[in-house]
């Protein structure tokens, strides 16, 4: 296989979805989440947090709606 890839763009559209405990959030965010114990954070390849949402399904939907490819991080 002799296909050339631009490695600089590899992974640019991948986002990582990981569960986070509400107790790990800043106080002002904890006050807004109600009774939830766990949320899901969406991060880009550089580790920047892009969003925090209520559930995993919503995190994946959000990523796909923005032409990203979500993967789970444990």
N, C-alpha and C. Protein backbone atom coordinates (compact mmCIF):
# COMPACT_ATOMS: atom_id res chain seq x y z
N UNK A 1 0.84 -1.17 0.00
CA UNK A 1 0.00 0.00 0.00
C UNK A 1 0.89 1.23 0.00
N UNK A 2 0.69 2.10 -0.96
CA UNK A 2 1.53 3.27 -1.10
C UNK A 2 0.72 4.56 -0.99
N UNK A 3 -0.19 4.60 -0.08
CA UNK A 3 -1.04 5.78 0.08
C UNK A 3 -0.39 6.76 1.05
N UNK A 4 -0.35 8.01 0.66
CA UNK A 4 0.25 9.03 1.52
C UNK A 4 -0.82 9.64 2.43
N UNK A 5 -0.46 9.86 3.68
CA UNK A 5 -1.35 10.47 4.66
C UNK A 5 -0.69 11.73 5.20
N UNK A 6 -1.50 12.74 5.42
CA UNK A 6 -1.01 13.94 6.09
C UNK A 6 -1.16 13.70 7.58
N UNK A 7 -0.07 13.31 8.25
CA UNK A 7 -0.13 12.95 9.65
C UNK A 7 -0.48 14.12 10.56
N UNK A 8 -0.30 15.35 10.09
CA UNK A 8 -0.66 16.50 10.90
C UNK A 8 -2.16 16.60 11.12
N UNK A 9 -2.96 16.07 10.21
CA UNK A 9 -4.41 16.14 10.35
C UNK A 9 -5.01 14.88 10.96
N UNK A 10 -4.19 13.86 11.14
CA UNK A 10 -4.67 12.60 11.71
C UNK A 10 -5.17 12.84 13.13
N UNK A 11 -6.39 12.46 13.39
CA UNK A 11 -6.96 12.60 14.72
C UNK A 11 -7.58 13.94 15.03
N UNK A 12 -7.55 14.87 14.11
CA UNK A 12 -8.11 16.20 14.36
C UNK A 12 -9.61 16.16 14.60
N UNK A 13 -10.29 15.18 14.03
CA UNK A 13 -11.74 15.12 14.19
C UNK A 13 -12.18 14.07 15.21
N UNK A 14 -11.22 13.57 16.01
CA UNK A 14 -11.54 12.61 17.06
C UNK A 14 -11.72 13.38 18.37
N UNK A 15 -12.77 13.04 19.10
CA UNK A 15 -12.97 13.59 20.44
C UNK A 15 -13.10 12.42 21.41
N UNK A 16 -12.74 12.68 22.64
CA UNK A 16 -12.72 11.65 23.67
C UNK A 16 -13.82 11.94 24.69
N UNK A 17 -14.62 10.93 24.98
CA UNK A 17 -15.72 11.06 25.93
C UNK A 17 -15.34 10.28 27.19
N UNK A 18 -15.39 10.97 28.33
CA UNK A 18 -15.04 10.28 29.56
C UNK A 18 -15.99 10.67 30.68
N UNK A 19 -16.31 9.71 31.54
CA UNK A 19 -17.19 10.02 32.67
C UNK A 19 -16.43 10.84 33.71
N UNK A 20 -17.15 11.75 34.35
CA UNK A 20 -16.57 12.53 35.45
C UNK A 20 -17.58 12.56 36.59
N UNK A 21 -17.08 12.50 37.78
CA UNK A 21 -17.95 12.58 38.95
C UNK A 21 -18.32 14.03 39.23
N UNK A 22 -19.55 14.25 39.59
CA UNK A 22 -20.01 15.60 39.90
C UNK A 22 -19.19 16.18 41.05
N UNK A 23 -18.76 15.35 41.98
CA UNK A 23 -17.97 15.83 43.11
C UNK A 23 -16.63 16.43 42.69
N UNK A 24 -16.18 16.12 41.47
CA UNK A 24 -14.91 16.65 40.97
C UNK A 24 -15.06 18.00 40.26
N UNK A 25 -16.30 18.46 40.12
CA UNK A 25 -16.56 19.72 39.43
C UNK A 25 -16.44 20.91 40.37
N UNK A 26 -16.20 22.10 39.81
CA UNK A 26 -16.22 23.31 40.63
C UNK A 26 -17.61 23.52 41.25
N UNK A 27 -17.66 24.18 42.38
CA UNK A 27 -18.90 24.38 43.14
C UNK A 27 -20.01 24.99 42.30
N UNK A 28 -19.69 25.96 41.45
CA UNK A 28 -20.73 26.62 40.66
C UNK A 28 -21.37 25.67 39.64
N UNK A 29 -20.61 24.70 39.16
CA UNK A 29 -21.17 23.69 38.26
C UNK A 29 -21.98 22.65 39.02
N UNK A 30 -21.48 22.25 40.19
CA UNK A 30 -22.21 21.26 41.00
C UNK A 30 -23.60 21.75 41.35
N UNK A 31 -23.74 23.04 41.58
CA UNK A 31 -25.03 23.61 41.95
C UNK A 31 -26.05 23.52 40.83
N UNK A 32 -25.60 23.34 39.59
CA UNK A 32 -26.49 23.34 38.43
C UNK A 32 -26.88 21.96 37.93
N UNK A 33 -26.32 20.90 38.46
CA UNK A 33 -26.56 19.57 37.90
C UNK A 33 -27.64 18.77 38.60
N UNK A 34 -28.22 19.31 39.63
CA UNK A 34 -29.30 18.61 40.31
C UNK A 34 -28.82 17.35 41.01
N UNK A 35 -29.57 16.25 40.81
CA UNK A 35 -29.29 14.99 41.50
C UNK A 35 -28.30 14.08 40.78
N UNK A 36 -27.76 14.50 39.66
CA UNK A 36 -26.84 13.65 38.91
C UNK A 36 -25.57 13.40 39.71
N UNK A 37 -25.04 12.19 39.62
CA UNK A 37 -23.80 11.83 40.29
C UNK A 37 -22.62 11.79 39.31
N UNK A 38 -22.93 11.60 38.02
CA UNK A 38 -21.91 11.46 36.99
C UNK A 38 -22.33 12.24 35.76
N UNK A 39 -21.37 12.89 35.13
CA UNK A 39 -21.57 13.59 33.87
C UNK A 39 -20.54 13.04 32.89
N UNK A 40 -20.60 13.53 31.66
CA UNK A 40 -19.64 13.09 30.64
C UNK A 40 -18.99 14.31 30.00
N UNK A 41 -17.66 14.29 29.97
CA UNK A 41 -16.89 15.37 29.38
C UNK A 41 -16.43 14.95 27.98
N UNK A 42 -16.42 15.92 27.08
CA UNK A 42 -15.94 15.71 25.71
C UNK A 42 -14.66 16.53 25.56
N UNK A 43 -13.57 15.86 25.17
CA UNK A 43 -12.26 16.50 25.03
C UNK A 43 -11.73 16.32 23.61
N UNK A 44 -10.99 17.32 23.13
CA UNK A 44 -10.36 17.17 21.82
C UNK A 44 -9.03 16.44 21.97
N UNK A 45 -8.33 16.25 20.88
CA UNK A 45 -7.08 15.47 20.88
C UNK A 45 -5.98 16.12 21.72
N UNK A 46 -6.07 17.43 21.93
CA UNK A 46 -5.08 18.13 22.75
C UNK A 46 -5.43 18.09 24.24
N UNK A 47 -6.59 17.48 24.58
CA UNK A 47 -7.00 17.39 25.97
C UNK A 47 -7.89 18.53 26.43
N UNK A 48 -8.18 19.48 25.56
CA UNK A 48 -9.04 20.60 25.92
C UNK A 48 -10.48 20.12 26.08
N UNK A 49 -11.09 20.49 27.20
CA UNK A 49 -12.49 20.12 27.43
C UNK A 49 -13.39 20.99 26.58
N UNK A 50 -14.20 20.35 25.76
CA UNK A 50 -15.09 21.06 24.86
C UNK A 50 -16.51 21.19 25.40
N UNK A 51 -16.94 20.19 26.16
CA UNK A 51 -18.31 20.19 26.68
C UNK A 51 -18.42 19.25 27.86
N UNK A 52 -19.44 19.50 28.68
CA UNK A 52 -19.84 18.59 29.75
C UNK A 52 -21.34 18.41 29.61
N UNK A 53 -21.77 17.16 29.51
CA UNK A 53 -23.19 16.88 29.28
C UNK A 53 -23.68 15.82 30.27
N UNK A 54 -25.01 15.64 30.30
CA UNK A 54 -25.65 14.79 31.30
C UNK A 54 -25.42 13.30 31.12
N UNK A 55 -25.29 12.83 29.88
CA UNK A 55 -25.12 11.38 29.70
C UNK A 55 -24.26 11.06 28.49
N UNK A 56 -23.82 9.81 28.45
CA UNK A 56 -22.91 9.35 27.40
C UNK A 56 -23.54 9.44 26.02
N UNK A 57 -24.79 9.05 25.92
CA UNK A 57 -25.47 9.09 24.63
C UNK A 57 -25.52 10.51 24.07
N UNK A 58 -25.79 11.47 24.92
CA UNK A 58 -25.82 12.87 24.49
C UNK A 58 -24.42 13.35 24.07
N UNK A 59 -23.39 12.91 24.77
CA UNK A 59 -22.02 13.29 24.41
C UNK A 59 -21.66 12.79 23.02
N UNK A 60 -22.03 11.54 22.71
CA UNK A 60 -21.74 10.98 21.40
C UNK A 60 -22.57 11.68 20.32
N UNK A 61 -23.82 11.98 20.63
CA UNK A 61 -24.67 12.68 19.67
C UNK A 61 -24.11 14.07 19.37
N UNK A 62 -23.72 14.78 20.40
CA UNK A 62 -23.15 16.12 20.25
C UNK A 62 -21.91 16.09 19.36
N UNK A 63 -21.04 15.12 19.60
CA UNK A 63 -19.82 14.99 18.79
C UNK A 63 -20.16 14.73 17.33
N UNK A 64 -21.05 13.80 17.09
CA UNK A 64 -21.39 13.46 15.70
C UNK A 64 -22.09 14.60 14.99
N UNK A 65 -22.91 15.36 15.70
CA UNK A 65 -23.59 16.52 15.11
C UNK A 65 -22.58 17.59 14.69
N UNK A 66 -21.41 17.57 15.28
CA UNK A 66 -20.36 18.52 14.94
C UNK A 66 -19.24 17.89 14.11
N UNK A 67 -19.61 16.82 13.40
CA UNK A 67 -18.68 16.14 12.46
C UNK A 67 -17.41 15.64 13.13
N UNK A 68 -17.55 15.18 14.37
CA UNK A 68 -16.43 14.61 15.09
C UNK A 68 -16.67 13.12 15.27
N UNK A 69 -15.60 12.40 15.59
CA UNK A 69 -15.66 10.96 15.80
C UNK A 69 -15.38 10.67 17.28
N UNK A 70 -16.41 10.39 18.07
CA UNK A 70 -16.22 10.17 19.50
C UNK A 70 -15.69 8.78 19.81
N UNK A 71 -14.82 8.71 20.81
CA UNK A 71 -14.34 7.45 21.35
C UNK A 71 -14.38 7.56 22.87
N UNK A 72 -14.54 6.43 23.52
CA UNK A 72 -14.63 6.41 24.98
C UNK A 72 -13.25 6.30 25.62
N UNK A 73 -13.06 7.05 26.69
CA UNK A 73 -11.83 6.96 27.49
C UNK A 73 -12.26 6.45 28.87
N UNK A 74 -11.49 5.50 29.40
CA UNK A 74 -11.83 4.95 30.73
C UNK A 74 -10.95 5.54 31.78
